[in-house]
Amino acid sequence: MSEKKSLIEAALAFPSRNMENPPEPSGQASALVREALKDINGTMHQVFFGQQTGPGEPGTPLVPTQAMVTQDLGTVGKYQELMDGFSTKGPTASLHDRERDMDKGIDR
């Protein structure tokens, strides 16, 4: 049986886990530059236009993704079968369903 680590133990184990596959310095630098440019852009919009540039990136603090909202509402299990059906249907599926129903004598 595996033991569950405490939060402190997990935090102390993080640097050793990260040293096995360290991030590239060029990737870190480009990420810092990208974030700095986004901050400058947001500040310029705030100063000159008096408003923010937009809602922000999904998944960042205060901007949840659609999956996060669905999980928080508790509708994942309840409507999962319905959502799976929508993802497999193509854009013309409703036309084919309507034609099939009309052949059976069902009027929608």
PDB file of N, CA and C in Angstrom:
ATOM      1  N   MET A   1       0.857  -1.173   0.000  1.00  0.00           N
ATOM      2  CA  MET A   1       0.000   0.000   0.000  1.00  0.00           C
ATOM      3  C   MET A   1       0.902   1.234   0.000  1.00  0.00           C
ATOM      4  N   SER A   2       0.624   2.187  -0.883  1.00  0.00           N
ATOM      5  CA  SER A   2       1.449   3.393  -0.969  1.00  0.00           C
ATOM      6  C   SER A   2       1.004   4.405   0.086  1.00  0.00           C
ATOM      7  N   GLU A   3       1.997   5.054   0.652  1.00  0.00           N
ATOM      8  CA  GLU A   3       1.708   6.066   1.652  1.00  0.00           C
ATOM      9  C   GLU A   3       1.482   7.399   0.969  1.00  0.00           C
ATOM     10  N   LYS A   4       0.546   8.166   1.471  1.00  0.00           N
ATOM     11  CA  LYS A   4       0.273   9.486   0.919  1.00  0.00           C
ATOM     12  C   LYS A   4       1.216  10.483   1.586  1.00  0.00           C
ATOM     13  N   LYS A   5       1.929  11.255   0.752  1.00  0.00           N
ATOM     14  CA  LYS A   5       2.870  12.234   1.279  1.00  0.00           C
ATOM     15  C   LYS A   5       2.121  13.485   1.727  1.00  0.00           C
ATOM     16  N   SER A   6       2.675  14.117   2.743  1.00  0.00           N
ATOM     17  CA  SER A   6       2.095  15.383   3.174  1.00  0.00           C
ATOM     18  C   SER A   6       2.479  16.465   2.175  1.00  0.00           C
ATOM     19  N   LEU A   7       1.857  17.594   2.274  1.00  0.00           N
ATOM     20  CA  LEU A   7       2.115  18.699   1.363  1.00  0.00           C
ATOM     21  C   LEU A   7       3.559  19.179   1.488  1.00  0.00           C
ATOM     22  N   ILE A   8       4.080  19.205   2.690  1.00  0.00           N
ATOM     23  CA  ILE A   8       5.459  19.651   2.916  1.00  0.00           C
ATOM     24  C   ILE A   8       6.439  18.667   2.301  1.00  0.00           C
ATOM     25  N   GLU A   9       6.199  17.369   2.476  1.00  0.00           N
ATOM     26  CA  GLU A   9       7.085  16.369   1.881  1.00  0.00           C
ATOM     27  C   GLU A   9       7.056  16.441   0.361  1.00  0.00           C
ATOM     28  N   ALA A  10       5.869  16.659  -0.204  1.00  0.00           N
ATOM     29  CA  ALA A  10       5.758  16.771  -1.658  1.00  0.00           C
ATOM     30  C   ALA A  10       6.482  18.014  -2.166  1.00  0.00           C
ATOM     31  N   ALA A  11       6.393  19.115  -1.418  1.00  0.00           N
ATOM     32  CA  ALA A  11       7.081  20.346  -1.821  1.00  0.00           C
ATOM     33  C   ALA A  11       8.595  20.176  -1.739  1.00  0.00           C
ATOM     34  N   LEU A  12       9.064  19.458  -0.730  1.00  0.00           N
ATOM     35  CA  LEU A  12      10.509  19.245  -0.607  1.00  0.00           C
ATOM     36  C   LEU A  12      11.029  18.278  -1.670  1.00  0.00           C
ATOM     37  N   ALA A  13      10.183  17.377  -2.149  1.00  0.00           N
ATOM     38  CA  ALA A  13      10.602  16.425  -3.173  1.00  0.00           C
ATOM     39  C   ALA A  13      10.539  17.008  -4.576  1.00  0.00           C
ATOM     40  N   PHE A  14       9.898  18.153  -4.743  1.00  0.00           N
ATOM     41  CA  PHE A  14       9.743  18.734  -6.077  1.00  0.00           C
ATOM     42  C   PHE A  14      11.069  19.096  -6.748  1.00  0.00           C
ATOM     43  N   PRO A  15      12.008  19.759  -6.067  1.00  0.00           N
ATOM     44  CA  PRO A  15      13.264  20.093  -6.761  1.00  0.00           C
ATOM     45  C   PRO A  15      14.018  18.861  -7.251  1.00  0.00           C
ATOM     46  N   SER A  16      14.052  17.793  -6.472  1.00  0.00           N
ATOM     47  CA  SER A  16      14.765  16.597  -6.908  1.00  0.00           C
ATOM     48  C   SER A  16      14.051  15.943  -8.097  1.00  0.00           C
ATOM     49  N   ARG A  17      12.732  16.022  -8.123  1.00  0.00           N
ATOM     50  CA  ARG A  17      11.977  15.462  -9.234  1.00  0.00           C
ATOM     51  C   ARG A  17      12.193  16.304 -10.493  1.00  0.00           C
ATOM     52  N   ASN A  18      12.374  17.608 -10.317  1.00  0.00           N
ATOM     53  CA  ASN A  18      12.560  18.501 -11.446  1.00  0.00           C
ATOM     54  C   ASN A  18      13.975  18.403 -12.013  1.00  0.00           C
ATOM     55  N   MET A  19      14.940  17.948 -11.252  1.00  0.00           N
ATOM     56  CA  MET A  19      16.317  17.872 -11.724  1.00  0.00           C
ATOM     57  C   MET A  19      16.525  16.700 -12.686  1.00  0.00           C
ATOM     58  N   GLU A  20      15.622  15.729 -12.696  1.00  0.00           N
ATOM     59  CA  GLU A  20      15.735  14.620 -13.627  1.00  0.00           C
ATOM     60  C   GLU A  20      15.520  15.087 -15.066  1.00  0.00           C
ATOM     61  N   ASN A  21      14.649  16.057 -15.248  1.00  0.00           N
ATOM     62  CA  ASN A  21      14.347  16.591 -16.570  1.00  0.00           C
ATOM     63  C   ASN A  21      14.259  18.117 -16.457  1.00  0.00           C
ATOM     64  N   PRO A  22      15.403  18.796 -16.363  1.00  0.00           N
ATOM     65  CA  PRO A  22      15.372  20.250 -16.123  1.00  0.00           C
ATOM     66  C   PRO A  22      14.870  21.004 -17.356  1.00  0.00           C
ATOM     67  N   PRO A  23      14.219  22.134 -17.144  1.00  0.00           N
ATOM     68  CA  PRO A  23      13.750  22.935 -18.266  1.00  0.00           C
ATOM     69  C   PRO A  23      14.920  23.608 -18.989  1.00  0.00           C
ATOM     70  N   GLU A  24      14.747  23.849 -20.272  1.00  0.00           N
ATOM     71  CA  GLU A  24      15.780  24.504 -21.066  1.00  0.00           C
ATOM     72  C   GLU A  24      15.844  25.989 -20.715  1.00  0.00           C
ATOM     73  N   PRO A  25      17.032  26.553 -20.571  1.00  0.00           N
ATOM     74  CA  PRO A  25      17.139  28.000 -20.282  1.00  0.00           C
ATOM     75  C   PRO A  25      16.546  28.868 -21.393  1.00  0.00           C
ATOM     76  N   SER A  26      16.691  28.449 -22.654  1.00  0.00           N
ATOM     77  CA  SER A  26      16.130  29.257 -23.740  1.00  0.00           C
ATOM     78  C   SER A  26      14.600  29.258 -23.676  1.00  0.00           C
ATOM     79  N   GLY A  27      14.015  28.143 -23.279  1.00  0.00           N
ATOM     80  CA  GLY A  27      12.561  28.081 -23.123  1.00  0.00           C
ATOM     81  C   GLY A  27      12.086  28.945 -21.975  1.00  0.00           C
ATOM     82  N   GLN A  28      12.850  28.946 -20.892  1.00  0.00           N
ATOM     83  CA  GLN A  28      12.501  29.788 -19.753  1.00  0.00           C
ATOM     84  C   GLN A  28      12.604  31.267 -20.112  1.00  0.00           C
ATOM     85  N   ALA A  29      13.659  31.631 -20.862  1.00  0.00           N
ATOM     86  CA  ALA A  29      13.858  33.024 -21.252  1.00  0.00           C
ATOM     87  C   ALA A  29      12.746  33.490 -22.187  1.00  0.00           C
ATOM     88  N   SER A  30      12.389  32.646 -23.152  1.00  0.00           N
ATOM     89  CA  SER A  30      11.325  33.049 -24.076  1.00  0.00           C
ATOM     90  C   SER A  30       9.988  33.182 -23.351  1.00  0.00           C
ATOM     91  N   ALA A  31       9.739  32.335 -22.361  1.00  0.00           N
ATOM     92  CA  ALA A  31       8.506  32.442 -21.586  1.00  0.00           C
ATOM     93  C   ALA A  31       8.490  33.732 -20.774  1.00  0.00           C
ATOM     94  N   LEU A  32       9.638  34.099 -20.193  1.00  0.00           N
ATOM     95  CA  LEU A  32       9.717  35.358 -19.446  1.00  0.00           C
ATOM     96  C   LEU A  32       9.490  36.563 -20.352  1.00  0.00           C
ATOM     97  N   VAL A  33      10.077  36.546 -21.547  1.00  0.00           N
ATOM     98  CA  VAL A  33       9.890  37.648 -22.489  1.00  0.00           C
ATOM     99  C   VAL A  33       8.425  37.733 -22.913  1.00  0.00           C
ATOM    100  N   ARG A  34       7.808  36.598 -23.195  1.00  0.00           N
ATOM    101  CA  ARG A  34       6.405  36.578 -23.608  1.00  0.00           C
ATOM    102  C   ARG A  34       5.502  37.141 -22.506  1.00  0.00           C
ATOM    103  N   GLU A  35       5.740  36.736 -21.278  1.00  0.00           N
ATOM    104  CA  GLU A  35       4.941  37.254 -20.167  1.00  0.00           C
ATOM    105  C   GLU A  35       5.163  38.742 -19.965  1.00  0.00           C
ATOM    106  N   ALA A  36       6.433  39.199 -20.134  1.00  0.00           N
ATOM    107  CA  ALA A  36       6.726  40.626 -19.987  1.00  0.00           C
ATOM    108  C   ALA A  36       6.002  41.434 -21.061  1.00  0.00           C
ATOM    109  N   LEU A  37       5.995  40.946 -22.296  1.00  0.00           N
ATOM    110  CA  LEU A  37       5.292  41.653 -23.370  1.00  0.00           C
ATOM    111  C   LEU A  37       3.786  41.700 -23.125  1.00  0.00           C
ATOM    112  N   LYS A  38       3.227  40.618 -22.596  1.00  0.00           N
ATOM    113  CA  LYS A  38       1.803  40.626 -22.278  1.00  0.00           C
ATOM    114  C   LYS A  38       1.499  41.621 -21.157  1.00  0.00           C
ATOM    115  N   ASP A  39       2.393  41.703 -20.156  1.00  0.00           N
ATOM    116  CA  ASP A  39       2.201  42.672 -19.079  1.00  0.00           C
ATOM    117  C   ASP A  39       2.290  44.102 -19.598  1.00  0.00           C
ATOM    118  N   ILE A  40       3.258  44.370 -20.477  1.00  0.00           N
ATOM    119  CA  ILE A  40       3.405  45.714 -21.053  1.00  0.00           C
ATOM    120  C   ILE A  40       2.171  46.063 -21.881  1.00  0.00           C
ATOM    121  N   ASN A  41       1.704  45.111 -22.691  1.00  0.00           N
ATOM    122  CA  ASN A  41       0.512  45.344 -23.503  1.00  0.00           C
ATOM    123  C   ASN A  41      -0.696  45.644 -22.614  1.00  0.00           C
ATOM    124  N   GLY A  42      -0.872  44.878 -21.561  1.00  0.00           N
ATOM    125  CA  GLY A  42      -1.993  45.109 -20.654  1.00  0.00           C
ATOM    126  C   GLY A  42      -1.906  46.456 -19.965  1.00  0.00           C
ATOM    127  N   THR A  43      -0.686  46.851 -19.569  1.00  0.00           N
ATOM    128  CA  THR A  43      -0.498  48.152 -18.918  1.00  0.00           C
ATOM    129  C   THR A  43      -0.789  49.294 -19.887  1.00  0.00           C
ATOM    130  N   MET A  44      -0.333  49.152 -21.134  1.00  0.00           N
ATOM    131  CA  MET A  44      -0.576  50.194 -22.134  1.00  0.00           C
ATOM    132  C   MET A  44      -2.072  50.343 -22.413  1.00  0.00           C
ATOM    133  N   HIS A  45      -2.796  49.229 -22.486  1.00  0.00           N
ATOM    134  CA  HIS A  45      -4.236  49.317 -22.688  1.00  0.00           C
ATOM    135  C   HIS A  45      -4.916  49.975 -21.495  1.00  0.00           C
ATOM    136  N   GLN A  46      -4.448  49.669 -20.305  1.00  0.00           N
ATOM    137  CA  GLN A  46      -5.038  50.249 -19.101  1.00  0.00           C
ATOM    138  C   GLN A  46      -4.786  51.749 -19.060  1.00  0.00           C
ATOM    139  N   VAL A  47      -3.580  52.176 -19.425  1.00  0.00           N
ATOM    140  CA  VAL A  47      -3.224  53.599 -19.367  1.00  0.00           C
ATOM    141  C   VAL A  47      -3.935  54.396 -20.453  1.00  0.00           C
ATOM    142  N   PHE A  48      -3.871  53.928 -21.694  1.00  0.00           N
ATOM    143  CA  PHE A  48      -4.384  54.716 -22.807  1.00  0.00           C
ATOM    144  C   PHE A  48      -5.878  54.546 -23.062  1.00  0.00           C
ATOM    145  N   PHE A  49      -6.406  53.350 -22.837  1.00  0.00           N
ATOM    146  CA  PHE A  49      -7.810  53.107 -23.148  1.00  0.00           C
ATOM    147  C   PHE A  49      -8.684  52.941 -21.908  1.00  0.00           C
ATOM    148  N   GLY A  50      -8.078  52.810 -20.739  1.00  0.00           N
ATOM    149  CA  GLY A  50      -8.844  52.693 -19.508  1.00  0.00           C
ATOM    150  C   GLY A  50      -9.535  51.358 -19.323  1.00  0.00           C
ATOM    151  N   GLN A  51      -9.091  50.345 -20.046  1.00  0.00           N
ATOM    152  CA  GLN A  51      -9.693  49.011 -19.899  1.00  0.00           C
ATOM    153  C   GLN A  51      -8.650  47.947 -20.183  1.00  0.00           C
ATOM    154  N   GLN A  52      -8.964  46.734 -19.733  1.00  0.00           N
ATOM    155  CA  GLN A  52      -8.047  45.624 -19.966  1.00  0.00           C
ATOM    156  C   GLN A  52      -8.165  45.139 -21.400  1.00  0.00           C
ATOM    157  N   THR A  53      -7.170  44.351 -21.834  1.00  0.00           N
ATOM    158  CA  THR A  53      -7.172  43.858 -23.209  1.00  0.00           C
ATOM    159  C   THR A  53      -8.200  42.763 -23.428  1.00  0.00           C
ATOM    160  N   GLY A  54      -8.541  42.016 -22.426  1.00  0.00           N
ATOM    161  CA  GLY A  54      -9.513  40.934 -22.578  1.00  0.00           C
ATOM    162  C   GLY A  54      -9.605  40.126 -21.312  1.00  0.00           C
ATOM    163  N   PRO A  55     -10.328  39.020 -21.382  1.00  0.00           N
ATOM    164  CA  PRO A  55     -10.535  38.232 -20.175  1.00  0.00           C
ATOM    165  C   PRO A  55      -9.303  37.466 -19.707  1.00  0.00           C
ATOM    166  N   GLY A  56      -8.318  37.266 -20.535  1.00  0.00           N
ATOM    167  CA  GLY A  56      -7.124  36.528 -20.131  1.00  0.00           C
ATOM    168  C   GLY A  56      -7.114  35.128 -20.710  1.00  0.00           C
ATOM    169  N   GLU A  57      -6.078  34.385 -20.392  1.00  0.00           N
ATOM    170  CA  GLU A  57      -5.919  33.035 -20.922  1.00  0.00           C
ATOM    171  C   GLU A  57      -6.705  32.046 -20.078  1.00  0.00           C
ATOM    172  N   PRO A  58      -7.425  31.130 -20.721  1.00  0.00           N
ATOM    173  CA  PRO A  58      -8.141  30.112 -19.953  1.00  0.00           C
ATOM    174  C   PRO A  58      -7.165  29.258 -19.145  1.00  0.00           C
ATOM    175  N   GLY A  59      -7.522  28.995 -17.919  1.00  0.00           N
ATOM    176  CA  GLY A  59      -6.689  28.177 -17.050  1.00  0.00           C
ATOM    177  C   GLY A  59      -5.835  28.990 -16.102  1.00  0.00           C
ATOM    178  N   THR A  60      -5.734  30.296 -16.306  1.00  0.00           N
ATOM    179  CA  THR A  60      -4.982  31.140 -15.389  1.00  0.00           C
ATOM    180  C   THR A  60      -5.887  31.502 -14.214  1.00  0.00           C
ATOM    181  N   PRO A  61      -5.322  32.015 -13.129  1.00  0.00           N
ATOM    182  CA  PRO A  61      -6.169  32.370 -11.985  1.00  0.00           C
ATOM    183  C   PRO A  61      -7.277  33.345 -12.387  1.00  0.00           C
ATOM    184  N   LEU A  62      -8.457  33.133 -11.890  1.00  0.00           N
ATOM    185  CA  LEU A  62      -9.672  33.902 -12.128  1.00  0.00           C
ATOM    186  C   LEU A  62     -10.235  33.748 -13.535  1.00  0.00           C
ATOM    187  N   VAL A  63      -9.641  32.884 -14.382  1.00  0.00           N
ATOM    188  CA  VAL A  63     -10.166  32.614 -15.718  1.00  0.00           C
ATOM    189  C   VAL A  63     -10.187  31.091 -15.902  1.00  0.00           C
ATOM    190  N   PRO A  64     -11.230  30.427 -15.408  1.00  0.00           N
ATOM    191  CA  PRO A  64     -11.257  28.963 -15.499  1.00  0.00           C
ATOM    192  C   PRO A  64     -11.533  28.492 -16.920  1.00  0.00           C
ATOM    193  N   THR A  65     -11.114  27.273 -17.223  1.00  0.00           N
ATOM    194  CA  THR A  65     -11.438  26.668 -18.509  1.00  0.00           C
ATOM    195  C   THR A  65     -12.858  26.129 -18.463  1.00  0.00           C
ATOM    196  N   GLN A  66     -13.409  25.760 -19.606  1.00  0.00           N
ATOM    197  CA  GLN A  66     -14.761  25.207 -19.638  1.00  0.00           C
ATOM    198  C   GLN A  66     -14.825  23.884 -18.866  1.00  0.00           C
ATOM    199  N   ALA A  67     -13.752  23.104 -18.931  1.00  0.00           N
ATOM    200  CA  ALA A  67     -13.735  21.835 -18.198  1.00  0.00           C
ATOM    201  C   ALA A  67     -13.759  22.083 -16.692  1.00  0.00           C
ATOM    202  N   MET A  68     -13.032  23.114 -16.233  1.00  0.00           N
ATOM    203  CA  MET A  68     -13.037  23.435 -14.797  1.00  0.00           C
ATOM    204  C   MET A  68     -14.438  23.840 -14.334  1.00  0.00           C
ATOM    205  N   VAL A  69     -15.122  24.643 -15.138  1.00  0.00           N
ATOM    206  CA  VAL A  69     -16.474  25.076 -14.785  1.00  0.00           C
ATOM    207  C   VAL A  69     -17.414  23.887 -14.745  1.00  0.00           C
ATOM    208  N   THR A  70     -17.306  22.992 -15.721  1.00  0.00           N
ATOM    209  CA  THR A  70     -18.171  21.813 -15.763  1.00  0.00           C
ATOM    210  C   THR A  70     -17.942  20.932 -14.547  1.00  0.00           C
ATOM    211  N   GLN A  71     -16.666  20.749 -14.164  1.00  0.00           N
ATOM    212  CA  GLN A  71     -16.379  19.927 -12.989  1.00  0.00           C
ATOM    213  C   GLN A  71     -16.902  20.585 -11.721  1.00  0.00           C
ATOM    214  N   ASP A  72     -16.773  21.908 -11.620  1.00  0.00           N
ATOM    215  CA  ASP A  72     -17.251  22.608 -10.429  1.00  0.00           C
ATOM    216  C   ASP A  72     -18.775  22.552 -10.312  1.00  0.00           C
ATOM    217  N   LEU A  73     -19.468  22.548 -11.440  1.00  0.00           N
ATOM    218  CA  LEU A  73     -20.923  22.463 -11.405  1.00  0.00           C
ATOM    219  C   LEU A  73     -21.411  21.059 -11.077  1.00  0.00           C
ATOM    220  N   GLY A  74     -20.535  20.071 -11.223  1.00  0.00           N
ATOM    221  CA  GLY A  74     -20.911  18.704 -10.916  1.00  0.00           C
ATOM    222  C   GLY A  74     -21.731  18.045 -12.008  1.00  0.00           C
ATOM    223  N   THR A  75     -21.586  18.510 -13.235  1.00  0.00           N
ATOM    224  CA  THR A  75     -22.383  17.954 -14.330  1.00  0.00           C
ATOM    225  C   THR A  75     -21.582  16.995 -15.189  1.00  0.00           C
ATOM    226  N   VAL A  76     -20.363  16.662 -14.790  1.00  0.00           N
ATOM    227  CA  VAL A  76     -19.524  15.804 -15.623  1.00  0.00           C
ATOM    228  C   VAL A  76     -20.148  14.427 -15.773  1.00  0.00           C
ATOM    229  N   GLY A  77     -20.479  13.778 -14.681  1.00  0.00           N
ATOM    230  CA  GLY A  77     -21.044  12.441 -14.758  1.00  0.00           C
ATOM    231  C   GLY A  77     -22.485  12.434 -15.217  1.00  0.00           C
ATOM    232  N   LYS A  78     -23.207  13.468 -14.859  1.00  0.00           N
ATOM    233  CA  LYS A  78     -24.636  13.523 -15.146  1.00  0.00           C
ATOM    234  C   LYS A  78     -24.913  13.636 -16.643  1.00  0.00           C
ATOM    235  N   TYR A  79     -24.149  14.463 -17.335  1.00  0.00           N
ATOM    236  CA  TYR A  79     -24.393  14.699 -18.753  1.00  0.00           C
ATOM    237  C   TYR A  79     -23.285  14.159 -19.649  1.00  0.00           C
ATOM    238  N   GLN A  80     -22.417  13.317 -19.125  1.00  0.00           N
ATOM    239  CA  GLN A  80     -21.286  12.823 -19.904  1.00  0.00           C
ATOM    240  C   GLN A  80     -21.744  12.057 -21.145  1.00  0.00           C
ATOM    241  N   GLU A  81     -22.767  11.239 -21.004  1.00  0.00           N
ATOM    242  CA  GLU A  81     -23.264  10.474 -22.146  1.00  0.00           C
ATOM    243  C   GLU A  81     -23.794  11.407 -23.232  1.00  0.00           C
ATOM    244  N   LEU A  82     -24.489  12.452 -22.833  1.00  0.00           N
ATOM    245  CA  LEU A  82     -25.012  13.419 -23.794  1.00  0.00           C
ATOM    246  C   LEU A  82     -23.874  14.173 -24.479  1.00  0.00           C
ATOM    247  N   MET A  83     -22.855  14.584 -23.710  1.00  0.00           N
ATOM    248  CA  MET A  83     -21.736  15.319 -24.291  1.00  0.00           C
ATOM    249  C   MET A  83     -20.928  14.439 -25.226  1.00  0.00           C
ATOM    250  N   ASP A  84     -20.777  13.170 -24.925  1.00  0.00           N
ATOM    251  CA  ASP A  84     -20.064  12.263 -25.816  1.00  0.00           C
ATOM    252  C   ASP A  84     -20.793  12.125 -27.147  1.00  0.00           C
ATOM    253  N   GLY A  85     -22.107  12.133 -27.112  1.00  0.00           N
ATOM    254  CA  GLY A  85     -22.880  12.035 -28.342  1.00  0.00           C
ATOM    255  C   GLY A  85     -22.696  13.242 -29.239  1.00  0.00           C
ATOM    256  N   PHE A  86     -22.555  14.435 -28.646  1.00  0.00           N
ATOM    257  CA  PHE A  86     -22.366  15.636 -29.450  1.00  0.00           C
ATOM    258  C   PHE A  86     -21.008  15.651 -30.120  1.00  0.00           C
ATOM    259  N   SER A  87     -19.987  15.124 -29.462  1.00  0.00           N
ATOM    260  CA  SER A  87     -18.650  15.198 -30.033  1.00  0.00           C
ATOM    261  C   SER A  87     -18.477  14.274 -31.236  1.00  0.00           C
ATOM    262  N   THR A  88     -19.294  13.239 -31.372  1.00  0.00           N
ATOM    263  CA  THR A  88     -19.130  12.316 -32.484  1.00  0.00           C
ATOM    264  C   THR A  88     -19.991  12.686 -33.683  1.00  0.00           C
ATOM    265  N   LYS A  89     -20.954  13.549 -33.501  1.00  0.00           N
ATOM    266  CA  LYS A  89     -21.834  13.904 -34.612  1.00  0.00           C
ATOM    267  C   LYS A  89     -21.185  14.967 -35.484  1.00  0.00           C
ATOM    268  N   GLY A  90     -21.386  14.814 -36.780  1.00  0.00           N
ATOM    269  CA  GLY A  90     -20.898  15.798 -37.724  1.00  0.00           C
ATOM    270  C   GLY A  90     -21.925  16.889 -37.938  1.00  0.00           C
ATOM    271  N   PRO A  91     -21.596  17.897 -38.756  1.00  0.00           N
ATOM    272  CA  PRO A  91     -22.522  19.011 -38.960  1.00  0.00           C
ATOM    273  C   PRO A  91     -23.802  18.624 -39.698  1.00  0.00           C
ATOM    274  N   THR A  92     -23.783  17.539 -40.451  1.00  0.00           N
ATOM    275  CA  THR A  92     -24.986  17.141 -41.192  1.00  0.00           C
ATOM    276  C   THR A  92     -25.761  16.035 -40.495  1.00  0.00           C
ATOM    277  N   ALA A  93     -25.363  15.669 -39.306  1.00  0.00           N
ATOM    278  CA  ALA A  93     -26.035  14.563 -38.611  1.00  0.00           C
ATOM    279  C   ALA A  93     -27.494  14.887 -38.333  1.00  0.00           C
ATOM    280  N   SER A  94     -27.810  16.144 -37.993  1.00  0.00           N
ATOM    281  CA  SER A  94     -29.199  16.480 -37.693  1.00  0.00           C
ATOM    282  C   SER A  94     -30.067  16.371 -38.943  1.00  0.00           C
ATOM    283  N   LEU A  95     -29.510  16.677 -40.123  1.00  0.00           N
ATOM    284  CA  LEU A  95     -30.273  16.527 -41.358  1.00  0.00           C
ATOM    285  C   LEU A  95     -30.586  15.063 -41.633  1.00  0.00           C
ATOM    286  N   HIS A  96     -29.603  14.209 -41.423  1.00  0.00           N
ATOM    287  CA  HIS A  96     -29.830  12.781 -41.631  1.00  0.00           C
ATOM    288  C   HIS A  96     -30.834  12.238 -40.626  1.00  0.00           C
ATOM    289  N   ASP A  97     -30.749  12.703 -39.374  1.00  0.00           N
ATOM    290  CA  ASP A  97     -31.707  12.259 -38.363  1.00  0.00           C
ATOM    291  C   ASP A  97     -33.123  12.697 -38.749  1.00  0.00           C
ATOM    292  N   ARG A  98     -33.255  13.914 -39.256  1.00  0.00           N
ATOM    293  CA  ARG A  98     -34.567  14.428 -39.636  1.00  0.00           C
ATOM    294  C   ARG A  98     -35.141  13.617 -40.807  1.00  0.00           C
ATOM    295  N   GLU A  99     -34.297  13.308 -41.789  1.00  0.00           N
ATOM    296  CA  GLU A  99     -34.762  12.507 -42.929  1.00  0.00           C
ATOM    297  C   GLU A  99     -35.178  11.104 -42.473  1.00  0.00           C
ATOM    298  N   ARG A 100     -34.407  10.528 -41.561  1.00  0.00           N
ATOM    299  CA  ARG A 100     -34.726   9.193 -41.061  1.00  0.00           C
ATOM    300  C   ARG A 100     -36.043   9.214 -40.299  1.00  0.00           C
ATOM    301  N   ASP A 101     -36.247  10.260 -39.485  1.00  0.00           N
ATOM    302  CA  ASP A 101     -37.486  10.360 -38.721  1.00  0.00           C
ATOM    303  C   ASP A 101     -38.688  10.584 -39.634  1.00  0.00           C
ATOM    304  N   MET A 102     -38.492  11.345 -40.695  1.00  0.00           N
ATOM    305  CA  MET A 102     -39.597  11.585 -41.625  1.00  0.00           C
ATOM    306  C   MET A 102     -39.970  10.296 -42.347  1.00  0.00           C
ATOM    307  N   ASP A 103     -38.971   9.447 -42.630  1.00  0.00           N
ATOM    308  CA  ASP A 103     -39.245   8.155 -43.252  1.00  0.00           C
ATOM    309  C   ASP A 103     -40.062   7.268 -42.330  1.00  0.00           C
ATOM    310  N   LYS A 104     -39.850   7.401 -41.031  1.00  0.00           N
ATOM    311  CA  LYS A 104     -40.596   6.607 -40.054  1.00  0.00           C
ATOM    312  C   LYS A 104     -41.959   7.222 -39.741  1.00  0.00           C
ATOM    313  N   GLY A 105     -42.189   8.439 -40.239  1.00  0.00           N
ATOM    314  CA  GLY A 105     -43.475   9.095 -39.980  1.00  0.00           C
ATOM    315  C   GLY A 105     -43.468   9.958 -38.725  1.00  0.00           C
ATOM    316  N   ILE A 106     -42.295  10.253 -38.202  1.00  0.00           N
ATOM    317  CA  ILE A 106     -42.187  11.092 -37.019  1.00  0.00           C
ATOM    318  C   ILE A 106     -41.964  12.524 -37.484  1.00  0.00           C
ATOM    319  N   ASP A 107     -42.823  13.427 -37.030  1.00  0.00           N
ATOM    320  CA  ASP A 107     -42.693  14.835 -37.418  1.00  0.00           C
ATOM    321  C   ASP A 107     -42.131  15.619 -36.242  1.00  0.00           C
ATOM    322  N   ARG A 108     -41.072  16.324 -36.495  1.00  0.00           N
ATOM    323  CA  ARG A 108     -40.469  17.108 -35.395  1.00  0.00           C
ATOM    324  C   ARG A 108     -40.827  18.542 -35.525  1.00  0.00           C
TER     325      ARG A 108
END
